[in-house]
C-alpha atoms as a PDB file:
ATOM      1  CA  MET A   1      -9.598  11.626  17.756  1.00  0.00           C
ATOM      2  CA  GLU A   2      -7.084   9.970  20.002  1.00  0.00           C
ATOM      3  CA  THR A   3      -3.398  10.885  19.956  1.00  0.00           C
ATOM      4  CA  ARG A   4      -0.487   8.496  20.096  1.00  0.00           C
ATOM      5  CA  ARG A   5       3.089   9.471  20.877  1.00  0.00           C
ATOM      6  CA  ILE A   6       5.596   7.429  18.922  1.00  0.00           C
ATOM      7  CA  ALA A   7       9.316   7.506  19.668  1.00  0.00           C
ATOM      8  CA  VAL A   8      11.629   7.324  16.678  1.00  0.00           C
ATOM      9  CA  GLY A   9      15.300   7.692  17.530  1.00  0.00           C
ATOM     10  CA  ASP A  10      15.700  10.647  19.867  1.00  0.00           C
ATOM     11  CA  ARG A  11      12.446  12.306  18.845  1.00  0.00           C
ATOM     12  CA  THR A  12       8.804  11.717  19.714  1.00  0.00           C
ATOM     13  CA  TRP A  13       6.070  12.195  17.131  1.00  0.00           C
ATOM     14  CA  THR A  14       2.410  12.833  17.871  1.00  0.00           C
ATOM     15  CA  VAL A  15      -0.026  11.079  15.563  1.00  0.00           C
ATOM     16  CA  ARG A  16      -3.765  11.759  15.629  1.00  0.00           C
ATOM     17  CA  VAL A  17      -5.647   8.496  15.098  1.00  0.00           C
ATOM     18  CA  GLY A  18      -9.312   8.150  14.252  1.00  0.00           C
ATOM     19  CA  GLY A  19     -11.920   6.032  12.526  1.00  0.00           C
ATOM     20  CA  THR A  20     -12.697   2.373  12.837  1.00  0.00           C
ATOM     21  CA  GLU A  21     -10.173  -0.407  12.460  1.00  0.00           C
ATOM     22  CA  SER A  22     -10.414  -1.316   8.802  1.00  0.00           C
ATOM     23  CA  LYS A  23      -8.354  -2.539   5.900  1.00  0.00           C
ATOM     24  CA  GLN A  24      -8.098   1.029   4.631  1.00  0.00           C
ATOM     25  CA  THR A  25      -5.829   3.483   6.450  1.00  0.00           C
ATOM     26  CA  VAL A  26      -5.032   6.968   5.206  1.00  0.00           C
ATOM     27  CA  LEU A  27      -1.798   8.679   6.243  1.00  0.00           C
ATOM     28  CA  LEU A  28      -2.254  12.469   6.145  1.00  0.00           C
ATOM     29  CA  LEU A  29       0.840  14.669   5.884  1.00  0.00           C
ATOM     30  CA  PRO A  30       0.418  18.410   6.672  1.00  0.00           C
ATOM     31  CA  ASP A  31       2.108  21.480   5.259  1.00  0.00           C
ATOM     32  CA  ALA A  32       5.004  23.069   7.151  1.00  0.00           C
ATOM     33  CA  GLY A  33       3.738  25.207  10.004  1.00  0.00           C
ATOM     34  CA  ALA A  34       0.161  23.876   9.790  1.00  0.00           C
ATOM     35  CA  PRO A  35      -1.719  23.575  13.076  1.00  0.00           C
ATOM     36  CA  ALA A  36      -1.938  20.109  14.626  1.00  0.00           C
ATOM     37  CA  ASN A  37      -5.685  19.940  13.968  1.00  0.00           C
ATOM     38  CA  VAL A  38      -5.492  20.962  10.295  1.00  0.00           C
ATOM     39  CA  TYR A  39      -6.932  17.639   9.118  1.00  0.00           C
ATOM     40  CA  ASP A  40      -9.708  17.261  11.722  1.00  0.00           C
ATOM     41  CA  GLN A  41     -12.524  18.188   9.302  1.00  0.00           C
ATOM     42  CA  VAL A  42     -11.071  15.992   6.549  1.00  0.00           C
ATOM     43  CA  CYS A  43     -10.729  13.094   9.013  1.00  0.00           C
ATOM     44  CA  ALA A  44     -14.319  13.468  10.205  1.00  0.00           C
ATOM     45  CA  ARG A  45     -15.473  13.078   6.608  1.00  0.00           C
ATOM     46  CA  LEU A  46     -13.158  10.108   6.003  1.00  0.00           C
ATOM     47  CA  HIS A  47     -14.411   8.360   9.139  1.00  0.00           C
ATOM     48  CA  THR A  48     -17.968   8.415   7.761  1.00  0.00           C
ATOM     49  CA  SER A  49     -16.591   6.431   4.800  1.00  0.00           C
ATOM     50  CA  ASP A  50     -15.164   3.783   7.168  1.00  0.00           C
ATOM     51  CA  LEU A  51     -11.568   4.872   6.656  1.00  0.00           C
ATOM     52  CA  ARG A  52      -9.048   4.896   9.487  1.00  0.00           C
ATOM     53  CA  THR A  53      -6.862   7.992   9.591  1.00  0.00           C
ATOM     54  CA  LEU A  54      -3.374   8.708  10.864  1.00  0.00           C
ATOM     55  CA  SER A  55      -2.501  12.383  10.860  1.00  0.00           C
ATOM     56  CA  VAL A  56       1.027  13.383  11.789  1.00  0.00           C
ATOM     57  CA  GLU A  57       0.858  16.663  13.722  1.00  0.00           C
ATOM     58  CA  THR A  58       3.962  18.189  12.133  1.00  0.00           C
ATOM     59  CA  ILE A  59       6.000  17.637   8.997  1.00  0.00           C
ATOM     60  CA  ASP A  60       9.082  19.358  10.429  1.00  0.00           C
ATOM     61  CA  GLY A  61      11.922  16.833  10.436  1.00  0.00           C
ATOM     62  CA  LEU A  62       9.731  14.005   9.133  1.00  0.00           C
ATOM     63  CA  ASP A  63      11.443  11.704   6.620  1.00  0.00           C
ATOM     64  CA  ALA A  64      10.730   8.378   4.925  1.00  0.00           C
ATOM     65  CA  ALA A  65      12.421   6.234   7.591  1.00  0.00           C
ATOM     66  CA  THR A  66      10.393   7.931  10.314  1.00  0.00           C
ATOM     67  CA  VAL A  67       7.151   7.451   8.367  1.00  0.00           C
ATOM     68  CA  TYR A  68       7.874   3.726   7.960  1.00  0.00           C
ATOM     69  CA  THR A  69       8.599   3.406  11.687  1.00  0.00           C
ATOM     70  CA  ILE A  70       5.383   5.232  12.578  1.00  0.00           C
ATOM     71  CA  LEU A  71       3.374   2.934  10.303  1.00  0.00           C
ATOM     72  CA  ASP A  72       5.084  -0.141  11.760  1.00  0.00           C
ATOM     73  CA  GLN A  73       4.407   0.947  15.334  1.00  0.00           C
ATOM     74  CA  MET A  74       0.780   1.643  14.432  1.00  0.00           C
ATOM     75  CA  GLY A  75       0.464  -1.830  12.895  1.00  0.00           C
ATOM     76  CA  VAL A  76      -0.214  -0.519   9.393  1.00  0.00           C
ATOM     77  CA  ALA A  77       1.242  -2.692   6.640  1.00  0.00           C
ATOM     78  CA  TRP A  78       0.149  -0.365   3.822  1.00  0.00           C
ATOM     79  CA  ALA A  79      -1.719   2.914   3.553  1.00  0.00           C
ATOM     80  CA  GLN A  80      -3.137   5.554   1.278  1.00  0.00           C
ATOM     81  CA  LEU A  81      -0.999   8.713   1.215  1.00  0.00           C
ATOM     82  CA  ALA A  82      -2.455  12.212   1.210  1.00  0.00           C
ATOM     83  CA  GLY A  83      -0.733  15.542   1.657  1.00  0.00           C
ATOM     84  CA  TYR A  84      -0.671  19.197   0.758  1.00  0.00           C
ATOM     85  CA  GLY A  85       2.170  21.696   0.621  1.00  0.00           C
ATOM     86  CA  ALA A  86       5.324  20.245   2.211  1.00  0.00           C
ATOM     87  CA  GLY A  87       3.280  17.164   3.104  1.00  0.00           C
ATOM     88  CA  ALA A  88       2.579  16.644  -0.607  1.00  0.00           C
ATOM     89  CA  ASP A  89       6.315  16.907  -1.325  1.00  0.00           C
ATOM     90  CA  LEU A  90       7.015  14.121   1.177  1.00  0.00           C
ATOM     91  CA  ALA A  91       4.059  12.087  -0.118  1.00  0.00           C
ATOM     92  CA  TRP A  92       5.484  12.215  -3.666  1.00  0.00           C
ATOM     93  CA  GLN A  93       8.862  10.988  -2.376  1.00  0.00           C
ATOM     94  CA  LEU A  94       7.282   8.208  -0.324  1.00  0.00           C
ATOM     95  CA  GLY A  95       5.082   7.150  -3.216  1.00  0.00           C
ATOM     96  CA  ALA A  96       8.025   7.081  -5.613  1.00  0.00           C
ATOM     97  CA  ARG A  97      10.340   5.101  -3.337  1.00  0.00           C
ATOM     98  CA  GLY A  98       8.030   3.093  -1.081  1.00  0.00           C
ATOM     99  CA  PHE A  99       6.635   0.588  -3.564  1.00  0.00           C
ATOM    100  CA  GLY A 100       4.513  -2.021  -1.807  1.00  0.00           C
ATOM    101  CA  ARG A 101       3.990   0.128   1.287  1.00  0.00           C
ATOM    102  CA  PHE A 102       1.477   2.536  -0.217  1.00  0.00           C
ATOM    103  CA  VAL A 103      -1.589   1.829  -2.335  1.00  0.00           C
ATOM    104  CA  GLY A 104      -2.694   5.256  -3.501  1.00  0.00           C
ATOM    105  CA  LEU A 105      -1.649   8.897  -3.518  1.00  0.00           C
ATOM    106  CA  VAL A 106      -3.571  12.176  -3.295  1.00  0.00           C
ATOM    107  CA  VAL A 107      -1.503  15.363  -3.395  1.00  0.00           C
ATOM    108  CA  ALA A 108      -2.641  18.981  -3.391  1.00  0.00           C
ATOM    109  CA  GLY A 109      -0.704  21.991  -4.526  1.00  0.00           C
ATOM    110  CA  ARG A 110       2.629  20.383  -5.432  1.00  0.00           C
ATOM    111  CA  ALA A 111       3.948  18.793  -8.613  1.00  0.00           C
ATOM    112  CA  HIS A 112       6.030  15.627  -8.859  1.00  0.00           C
ATOM    113  CA  PRO A 113       9.579  16.504  -7.687  1.00  0.00           C
ATOM    114  CA  ALA A 114      11.100  15.831 -11.154  1.00  0.00           C
ATOM    115  CA  ILE A 115       8.977  18.531 -12.798  1.00  0.00           C
ATOM    116  CA  ALA A 116      10.704  21.871 -13.203  1.00  0.00           C
ATOM    117  CA  VAL A 117       8.685  24.566 -11.458  1.00  0.00           C
ATOM    118  CA  GLU A 118       9.991  28.056 -12.144  1.00  0.00           C
ATOM    119  CA  GLY A 119      12.935  26.553 -14.021  1.00  0.00           C
ATOM    120  CA  THR A 120      14.192  24.125 -11.369  1.00  0.00           C
ATOM    121  CA  ALA A 121      13.150  20.623 -10.371  1.00  0.00           C
ATOM    122  CA  VAL A 122      13.179  19.849  -6.646  1.00  0.00           C
ATOM    123  CA  ASP A 123      14.541  16.341  -7.335  1.00  0.00           C
ATOM    124  CA  ALA A 124      15.212  15.689 -11.026  1.00  0.00           C
ATOM    125  CA  GLY A 125      16.178  12.081 -10.226  1.00  0.00           C
ATOM    126  CA  CYS A 126      12.958  11.244  -8.400  1.00  0.00           C
ATOM    127  CA  PRO A 127      11.502   8.041  -9.878  1.00  0.00           C
ATOM    128  CA  ALA A 128       7.986   7.825 -11.219  1.00  0.00           C
ATOM    129  CA  VAL A 129       5.200   6.896  -8.826  1.00  0.00           C
ATOM    130  CA  GLU A 130       3.755   3.438  -9.444  1.00  0.00           C
ATOM    131  CA  LEU A 131       0.491   4.111  -7.644  1.00  0.00           C
ATOM    132  CA  PRO A 132      -2.979   5.258  -8.580  1.00  0.00           C
ATOM    133  CA  THR A 133      -2.577   9.019  -8.124  1.00  0.00           C
ATOM    134  CA  THR A 134      -4.765  12.102  -7.880  1.00  0.00           C
ATOM    135  CA  VAL A 135      -3.176  15.532  -8.210  1.00  0.00           C
ATOM    136  CA  ILE A 136      -5.206  18.526  -7.086  1.00  0.00           C
ATOM    137  CA  ALA A 137      -4.403  21.718  -8.945  1.00  0.00           C
ATOM    138  CA  THR A 138      -4.677  24.806  -6.737  1.00  0.00           C
ATOM    139  CA  GLY A 139      -3.778  28.471  -6.897  1.00  0.00           C
ATOM    140  CA  SER A 140      -0.148  27.503  -6.163  1.00  0.00           C
ATOM    141  CA  LEU A 141      -0.126  24.578  -8.637  1.00  0.00           C
ATOM    142  CA  PRO A 142      -1.468  25.556 -12.064  1.00  0.00           C
ATOM    143  CA  ARG A 143      -3.463  22.967 -13.990  1.00  0.00           C
ATOM    144  CA  THR A 144      -0.732  22.681 -16.655  1.00  0.00           C
ATOM    145  CA  LEU A 145       1.819  21.552 -14.061  1.00  0.00           C
ATOM    146  CA  ALA A 146      -0.699  19.210 -12.437  1.00  0.00           C
ATOM    147  CA  ASP A 147      -1.373  17.643 -15.860  1.00  0.00           C
ATOM    148  CA  ALA A 148       2.393  17.311 -16.485  1.00  0.00           C
ATOM    149  CA  CYS A 149       2.638  15.044 -13.413  1.00  0.00           C
ATOM    150  CA  GLY A 150       0.960  12.331 -15.475  1.00  0.00           C
ATOM    151  CA  ARG A 151       4.211  11.421 -17.204  1.00  0.00           C
ATOM    152  CA  HIS A 152       5.680  10.639 -13.758  1.00  0.00           C
ATOM    153  CA  VAL A 153       2.849   8.326 -12.701  1.00  0.00           C
ATOM    154  CA  TYR A 154       2.763   4.683 -13.776  1.00  0.00           C
ATOM    155  CA  GLY A 155      -0.759   3.973 -12.629  1.00  0.00           C
ATOM    156  CA  GLU A 156      -4.238   5.369 -12.937  1.00  0.00           C
ATOM    157  CA  PHE A 157      -3.919   9.169 -12.974  1.00  0.00           C
ATOM    158  CA  ARG A 158      -6.467  11.874 -12.289  1.00  0.00           C
ATOM    159  CA  VAL A 159      -6.279  15.657 -11.998  1.00  0.00           C
ATOM    160  CA  THR A 160      -8.854  17.833 -10.282  1.00  0.00           C
ATOM    161  CA  GLN A 161      -8.907  21.534  -9.572  1.00  0.00           C
ATOM    162  CA  ILE A 162      -9.790  23.322  -6.350  1.00  0.00           C
ATOM    163  CA  ASP A 163      -9.764  27.099  -6.157  1.00  0.00           C
ATOM    164  CA  ALA A 164      -8.069  27.187  -2.755  1.00  0.00           C
ATOM    165  CA  ASP A 165      -4.511  27.026  -1.482  1.00  0.00           C
ATOM    166  CA  ASP A 166      -5.111  25.882   2.105  1.00  0.00           C
ATOM    167  CA  VAL A 167      -6.960  22.814   0.861  1.00  0.00           C
ATOM    168  CA  PRO A 168      -7.653  20.976   4.174  1.00  0.00           C
ATOM    169  CA  VAL A 169      -9.217  24.116   5.642  1.00  0.00           C
ATOM    170  CA  GLU A 170     -10.847  25.839   2.661  1.00  0.00           C
ATOM    171  CA  ALA A 171     -11.916  22.698   0.754  1.00  0.00           C
ATOM    172  CA  ASP A 172     -11.985  19.872   3.307  1.00  0.00           C
ATOM    173  CA  HIS A 173     -14.994  18.218   1.675  1.00  0.00           C
ATOM    174  CA  GLU A 174     -13.382  18.167  -1.777  1.00  0.00           C
ATOM    175  CA  PHE A 175     -10.072  16.881  -0.422  1.00  0.00           C
ATOM    176  CA  ALA A 176     -11.840  14.133   1.539  1.00  0.00           C
ATOM    177  CA  THR A 177     -13.866  13.178  -1.542  1.00  0.00           C
ATOM    178  CA  GLU A 178     -10.704  12.718  -3.603  1.00  0.00           C
ATOM    179  CA  ILE A 179      -9.186  10.539  -0.871  1.00  0.00           C
ATOM    180  CA  VAL A 180     -12.339   8.406  -0.663  1.00  0.00           C
ATOM    181  CA  LEU A 181     -12.433   8.017  -4.450  1.00  0.00           C
ATOM    182  CA  ARG A 182      -8.778   6.955  -4.461  1.00  0.00           C
ATOM    183  CA  SER A 183      -9.311   4.450  -1.649  1.00  0.00           C
ATOM    184  CA  GLY A 184     -12.130   2.592  -3.403  1.00  0.00           C
ATOM    185  CA  ALA A 185     -11.537  -0.695  -5.168  1.00  0.00           C
ATOM    186  CA  TRP A 186     -13.425   0.331  -8.289  1.00  0.00           C
END
């Protein structure tokens, strides 16, 4: 995959770009502290399905405005969102507040921010997501919490379960399959 360095404000972001130019682009958001190549296996699988991938190398300091700027500079009008861990948290926020910019959402290991996990919601005021959404239950996100996300999704909703926590590494094929299924115009 090629890398692109994109300046946003006083910071430069490295984005790994791969796949053929197509109408379908997937923006992959990693967990905090994940290695830069965490999505390489997932991307290789997505490329065989004719999907273009943009993988941000770090989530540290990444916010919605920066994501929009990165997409603009990459010439991407709209994209599929996929993330795990902290990347899933940001993907939920982007999906809930970026209507028209994103066309689908796949998150692993994190519930919608308005759902109380261990008694406290991360963002009780977070709006519902108006996107077709797949939530992947993992060891860190029990199936009951993944199912509860459905009331915060105004679109087609699906829950799957993967018995892994480091989803892009331990279950790259399953994660890629869910992204491909979400990207299809069924």
